[in-house]
Amino acid sequence: MYHSSPPVIDYNRTSFQVKGEIKMENNNRFWPHIRRVTHIMMMAHRSCFDFHLFNAR
């Protein structure tokens, strides 16, 4: 599942920026799981960020 996380993280960053522009209430109505997904993606990004950099070399 970690292999599928990085592209989702990039998409999540985009949706998170949009989240700041759009009201959070509307975002929760359309995607109630956005908070849970955001939390998981941020944790995955923190735990795997150095690992991906290490793999890049």
PDB file of N, CA and C in Angstrom:
ATOM      1  N   MET A   1       0.839  -1.203   0.000  1.00  0.00           N
ATOM      2  CA  MET A   1       0.000   0.000   0.000  1.00  0.00           C
ATOM      3  C   MET A   1       0.872   1.250   0.000  1.00  0.00           C
ATOM      4  N   TYR A   2       2.082   1.133   0.521  1.00  0.00           N
ATOM      5  CA  TYR A   2       2.971   2.284   0.527  1.00  0.00           C
ATOM      6  C   TYR A   2       3.331   2.706  -0.888  1.00  0.00           C
ATOM      7  N   HIS A   3       3.340   1.747  -1.815  1.00  0.00           N
ATOM      8  CA  HIS A   3       3.688   2.089  -3.189  1.00  0.00           C
ATOM      9  C   HIS A   3       2.623   2.980  -3.812  1.00  0.00           C
ATOM     10  N   SER A   4       1.362   2.799  -3.417  1.00  0.00           N
ATOM     11  CA  SER A   4       0.288   3.607  -3.981  1.00  0.00           C
ATOM     12  C   SER A   4       0.118   4.926  -3.231  1.00  0.00           C
ATOM     13  N   SER A   5       0.821   5.097  -2.109  1.00  0.00           N
ATOM     14  CA  SER A   5       0.635   6.301  -1.312  1.00  0.00           C
ATOM     15  C   SER A   5       1.218   7.565  -1.957  1.00  0.00           C
ATOM     16  N   PRO A   6       2.447   7.554  -2.499  1.00  0.00           N
ATOM     17  CA  PRO A   6       3.044   8.808  -2.974  1.00  0.00           C
ATOM     18  C   PRO A   6       2.191   9.573  -3.984  1.00  0.00           C
ATOM     19  N   PRO A   7       1.645   8.949  -5.033  1.00  0.00           N
ATOM     20  CA  PRO A   7       0.818   9.729  -5.963  1.00  0.00           C
ATOM     21  C   PRO A   7      -0.424  10.282  -5.286  1.00  0.00           C
ATOM     22  N   VAL A   8      -0.980   9.532  -4.347  1.00  0.00           N
ATOM     23  CA  VAL A   8      -2.155  10.016  -3.632  1.00  0.00           C
ATOM     24  C   VAL A   8      -1.781  11.208  -2.761  1.00  0.00           C
ATOM     25  N   ILE A   9      -0.562  11.210  -2.238  1.00  0.00           N
ATOM     26  CA  ILE A   9      -0.111  12.328  -1.409  1.00  0.00           C
ATOM     27  C   ILE A   9      -0.088  13.608  -2.240  1.00  0.00           C
ATOM     28  N   ASP A  10       0.431  13.532  -3.455  1.00  0.00           N
ATOM     29  CA  ASP A  10       0.468  14.714  -4.315  1.00  0.00           C
ATOM     30  C   ASP A  10      -0.948  15.218  -4.572  1.00  0.00           C
ATOM     31  N   TYR A  11      -1.873  14.304  -4.847  1.00  0.00           N
ATOM     32  CA  TYR A  11      -3.259  14.705  -5.082  1.00  0.00           C
ATOM     33  C   TYR A  11      -3.862  15.286  -3.807  1.00  0.00           C
ATOM     34  N   ASN A  12      -3.475  14.721  -2.674  1.00  0.00           N
ATOM     35  CA  ASN A  12      -4.015  15.202  -1.412  1.00  0.00           C
ATOM     36  C   ASN A  12      -3.512  16.615  -1.116  1.00  0.00           C
ATOM     37  N   ARG A  13      -2.275  16.902  -1.463  1.00  0.00           N
ATOM     38  CA  ARG A  13      -1.760  18.263  -1.264  1.00  0.00           C
ATOM     39  C   ARG A  13      -2.591  19.246  -2.077  1.00  0.00           C
ATOM     40  N   THR A  14      -2.931  18.864  -3.312  1.00  0.00           N
ATOM     41  CA  THR A  14      -3.748  19.736  -4.143  1.00  0.00           C
ATOM     42  C   THR A  14      -5.120  19.927  -3.518  1.00  0.00           C
ATOM     43  N   SER A  15      -5.748  18.837  -3.085  1.00  0.00           N
ATOM     44  CA  SER A  15      -7.078  18.926  -2.498  1.00  0.00           C
ATOM     45  C   SER A  15      -7.023  19.693  -1.175  1.00  0.00           C
ATOM     46  N   PHE A  16      -5.889  19.590  -0.456  1.00  0.00           N
ATOM     47  CA  PHE A  16      -5.767  20.294   0.820  1.00  0.00           C
ATOM     48  C   PHE A  16      -5.689  21.803   0.578  1.00  0.00           C
ATOM     49  N   GLN A  17      -4.968  22.214  -0.465  1.00  0.00           N
ATOM     50  CA  GLN A  17      -4.910  23.637  -0.796  1.00  0.00           C
ATOM     51  C   GLN A  17      -6.294  24.140  -1.194  1.00  0.00           C
ATOM     52  N   VAL A  18      -7.005  23.339  -1.987  1.00  0.00           N
ATOM     53  CA  VAL A  18      -8.373  23.708  -2.359  1.00  0.00           C
ATOM     54  C   VAL A  18      -9.250  23.750  -1.116  1.00  0.00           C
ATOM     55  N   LYS A  19      -8.962  22.858  -0.175  1.00  0.00           N
ATOM     56  CA  LYS A  19      -9.725  22.807   1.069  1.00  0.00           C
ATOM     57  C   LYS A  19      -9.624  24.138   1.811  1.00  0.00           C
ATOM     58  N   GLY A  20      -8.463  24.788   1.731  1.00  0.00           N
ATOM     59  CA  GLY A  20      -8.314  26.076   2.381  1.00  0.00           C
ATOM     60  C   GLY A  20      -9.155  27.153   1.710  1.00  0.00           C
ATOM     61  N   GLU A  21      -9.339  27.031   0.383  1.00  0.00           N
ATOM     62  CA  GLU A  21     -10.124  28.021  -0.342  1.00  0.00           C
ATOM     63  C   GLU A  21     -11.619  27.752  -0.179  1.00  0.00           C
ATOM     64  N   ILE A  22     -12.016  26.493  -0.318  1.00  0.00           N
ATOM     65  CA  ILE A  22     -13.423  26.132  -0.197  1.00  0.00           C
ATOM     66  C   ILE A  22     -13.769  25.939   1.273  1.00  0.00           C
ATOM     67  N   LYS A  23     -15.029  26.205   1.618  1.00  0.00           N
ATOM     68  CA  LYS A  23     -15.442  26.020   3.002  1.00  0.00           C
ATOM     69  C   LYS A  23     -15.298  24.561   3.406  1.00  0.00           C
ATOM     70  N   MET A  24     -14.884  24.355   4.646  1.00  0.00           N
ATOM     71  CA  MET A  24     -14.641  22.995   5.111  1.00  0.00           C
ATOM     72  C   MET A  24     -15.957  22.225   5.218  1.00  0.00           C
ATOM     73  N   GLU A  25     -17.068  22.920   5.456  1.00  0.00           N
ATOM     74  CA  GLU A  25     -18.350  22.227   5.580  1.00  0.00           C
ATOM     75  C   GLU A  25     -18.714  21.546   4.264  1.00  0.00           C
ATOM     76  N   ASN A  26     -18.572  22.257   3.161  1.00  0.00           N
ATOM     77  CA  ASN A  26     -18.889  21.666   1.871  1.00  0.00           C
ATOM     78  C   ASN A  26     -17.968  20.493   1.578  1.00  0.00           C
ATOM     79  N   ASN A  27     -16.700  20.647   1.953  1.00  0.00           N
ATOM     80  CA  ASN A  27     -15.755  19.571   1.689  1.00  0.00           C
ATOM     81  C   ASN A  27     -16.146  18.326   2.487  1.00  0.00           C
ATOM     82  N   ASN A  28     -16.576  18.512   3.717  1.00  0.00           N
ATOM     83  CA  ASN A  28     -16.966  17.362   4.532  1.00  0.00           C
ATOM     84  C   ASN A  28     -18.231  16.714   3.984  1.00  0.00           C
ATOM     85  N   ARG A  29     -19.131  17.506   3.425  1.00  0.00           N
ATOM     86  CA  ARG A  29     -20.362  16.926   2.883  1.00  0.00           C
ATOM     87  C   ARG A  29     -20.051  16.073   1.664  1.00  0.00           C
ATOM     88  N   PHE A  30     -19.163  16.566   0.795  1.00  0.00           N
ATOM     89  CA  PHE A  30     -18.849  15.807  -0.414  1.00  0.00           C
ATOM     90  C   PHE A  30     -17.924  14.635  -0.095  1.00  0.00           C
ATOM     91  N   TRP A  31     -16.893  14.887   0.724  1.00  0.00           N
ATOM     92  CA  TRP A  31     -15.955  13.820   1.066  1.00  0.00           C
ATOM     93  C   TRP A  31     -15.802  13.738   2.583  1.00  0.00           C
ATOM     94  N   PRO A  32     -16.695  12.989   3.255  1.00  0.00           N
ATOM     95  CA  PRO A  32     -16.576  12.883   4.723  1.00  0.00           C
ATOM     96  C   PRO A  32     -15.267  12.234   5.156  1.00  0.00           C
ATOM     97  N   HIS A  33     -14.649  11.434   4.267  1.00  0.00           N
ATOM     98  CA  HIS A  33     -13.445  10.705   4.638  1.00  0.00           C
ATOM     99  C   HIS A  33     -12.182  11.510   4.347  1.00  0.00           C
ATOM    100  N   ILE A  34     -12.324  12.775   3.900  1.00  0.00           N
ATOM    101  CA  ILE A  34     -11.150  13.545   3.504  1.00  0.00           C
ATOM    102  C   ILE A  34     -10.232  13.752   4.698  1.00  0.00           C
ATOM    103  N   ARG A  35     -10.793  13.945   5.901  1.00  0.00           N
ATOM    104  CA  ARG A  35      -9.945  14.163   7.077  1.00  0.00           C
ATOM    105  C   ARG A  35      -9.154  12.905   7.388  1.00  0.00           C
ATOM    106  N   ARG A  36      -9.839  11.740   7.318  1.00  0.00           N
ATOM    107  CA  ARG A  36      -9.154  10.485   7.621  1.00  0.00           C
ATOM    108  C   ARG A  36      -8.077  10.216   6.579  1.00  0.00           C
ATOM    109  N   VAL A  37      -8.399  10.433   5.313  1.00  0.00           N
ATOM    110  CA  VAL A  37      -7.422  10.209   4.246  1.00  0.00           C
ATOM    111  C   VAL A  37      -6.257  11.177   4.403  1.00  0.00           C
ATOM    112  N   THR A  38      -6.548  12.429   4.727  1.00  0.00           N
ATOM    113  CA  THR A  38      -5.481  13.416   4.906  1.00  0.00           C
ATOM    114  C   THR A  38      -4.542  12.975   6.022  1.00  0.00           C
ATOM    115  N   HIS A  39      -5.115  12.508   7.128  1.00  0.00           N
ATOM    116  CA  HIS A  39      -4.281  12.092   8.257  1.00  0.00           C
ATOM    117  C   HIS A  39      -3.411  10.904   7.876  1.00  0.00           C
ATOM    118  N   ILE A  40      -4.003   9.926   7.184  1.00  0.00           N
ATOM    119  CA  ILE A  40      -3.229   8.742   6.792  1.00  0.00           C
ATOM    120  C   ILE A  40      -2.132   9.143   5.814  1.00  0.00           C
ATOM    121  N   MET A  41      -2.461   9.980   4.842  1.00  0.00           N
ATOM    122  CA  MET A  41      -1.475  10.354   3.830  1.00  0.00           C
ATOM    123  C   MET A  41      -0.347  11.151   4.469  1.00  0.00           C
ATOM    124  N   MET A  42      -0.654  12.030   5.401  1.00  0.00           N
ATOM    125  CA  MET A  42       0.401  12.818   6.037  1.00  0.00           C
ATOM    126  C   MET A  42       1.323  11.907   6.843  1.00  0.00           C
ATOM    127  N   MET A  43       0.748  10.938   7.545  1.00  0.00           N
ATOM    128  CA  MET A  43       1.589  10.004   8.307  1.00  0.00           C
ATOM    129  C   MET A  43       2.443   9.173   7.358  1.00  0.00           C
ATOM    130  N   ALA A  44       1.843   8.720   6.263  1.00  0.00           N
ATOM    131  CA  ALA A  44       2.599   7.926   5.299  1.00  0.00           C
ATOM    132  C   ALA A  44       3.703   8.772   4.682  1.00  0.00           C
ATOM    133  N   HIS A  45       3.402  10.039   4.428  1.00  0.00           N
ATOM    134  CA  HIS A  45       4.403  10.909   3.822  1.00  0.00           C
ATOM    135  C   HIS A  45       5.561  11.135   4.783  1.00  0.00           C
ATOM    136  N   ARG A  46       5.255  11.344   6.051  1.00  0.00           N
ATOM    137  CA  ARG A  46       6.319  11.554   7.034  1.00  0.00           C
ATOM    138  C   ARG A  46       7.173  10.300   7.193  1.00  0.00           C
ATOM    139  N   SER A  47       6.536   9.136   7.234  1.00  0.00           N
ATOM    140  CA  SER A  47       7.275   7.912   7.516  1.00  0.00           C
ATOM    141  C   SER A  47       8.034   7.427   6.288  1.00  0.00           C
ATOM    142  N   CYS A  48       7.586   7.799   5.097  1.00  0.00           N
ATOM    143  CA  CYS A  48       8.184   7.255   3.873  1.00  0.00           C
ATOM    144  C   CYS A  48       8.968   8.308   3.083  1.00  0.00           C
ATOM    145  N   PHE A  49       8.929   9.571   3.508  1.00  0.00           N
ATOM    146  CA  PHE A  49       9.569  10.613   2.717  1.00  0.00           C
ATOM    147  C   PHE A  49      11.073  10.358   2.606  1.00  0.00           C
ATOM    148  N   ASP A  50      11.743  10.151   3.737  1.00  0.00           N
ATOM    149  CA  ASP A  50      13.180   9.873   3.719  1.00  0.00           C
ATOM    150  C   ASP A  50      13.464   8.574   2.976  1.00  0.00           C
ATOM    151  N   PHE A  51      12.559   7.612   3.116  1.00  0.00           N
ATOM    152  CA  PHE A  51      12.758   6.330   2.450  1.00  0.00           C
ATOM    153  C   PHE A  51      12.736   6.512   0.936  1.00  0.00           C
ATOM    154  N   HIS A  52      11.826   7.366   0.441  1.00  0.00           N
ATOM    155  CA  HIS A  52      11.764   7.590  -1.008  1.00  0.00           C
ATOM    156  C   HIS A  52      13.015   8.331  -1.488  1.00  0.00           C
ATOM    157  N   LEU A  53      13.478   9.268  -0.705  1.00  0.00           N
ATOM    158  CA  LEU A  53      14.705   9.967  -1.096  1.00  0.00           C
ATOM    159  C   LEU A  53      15.878   8.995  -1.133  1.00  0.00           C
ATOM    160  N   PHE A  54      15.896   8.081  -0.173  1.00  0.00           N
ATOM    161  CA  PHE A  54      16.980   7.101  -0.138  1.00  0.00           C
ATOM    162  C   PHE A  54      16.908   6.176  -1.352  1.00  0.00           C
ATOM    163  N   ASN A  55      15.687   5.814  -1.766  1.00  0.00           N
ATOM    164  CA  ASN A  55      15.530   4.953  -2.935  1.00  0.00           C
ATOM    165  C   ASN A  55      15.922   5.693  -4.214  1.00  0.00           C
ATOM    166  N   ALA A  56      15.724   7.006  -4.232  1.00  0.00           N
ATOM    167  CA  ALA A  56      16.015   7.771  -5.445  1.00  0.00           C
ATOM    168  C   ALA A  56      17.501   7.703  -5.779  1.00  0.00           C
ATOM    169  N   ARG A  57      18.344   7.539  -4.773  1.00  0.00           N
ATOM    170  CA  ARG A  57      19.788   7.489  -5.028  1.00  0.00           C
ATOM    171  C   ARG A  57      20.215   6.109  -5.489  1.00  0.00           C
TER     172      ARG A  57
END
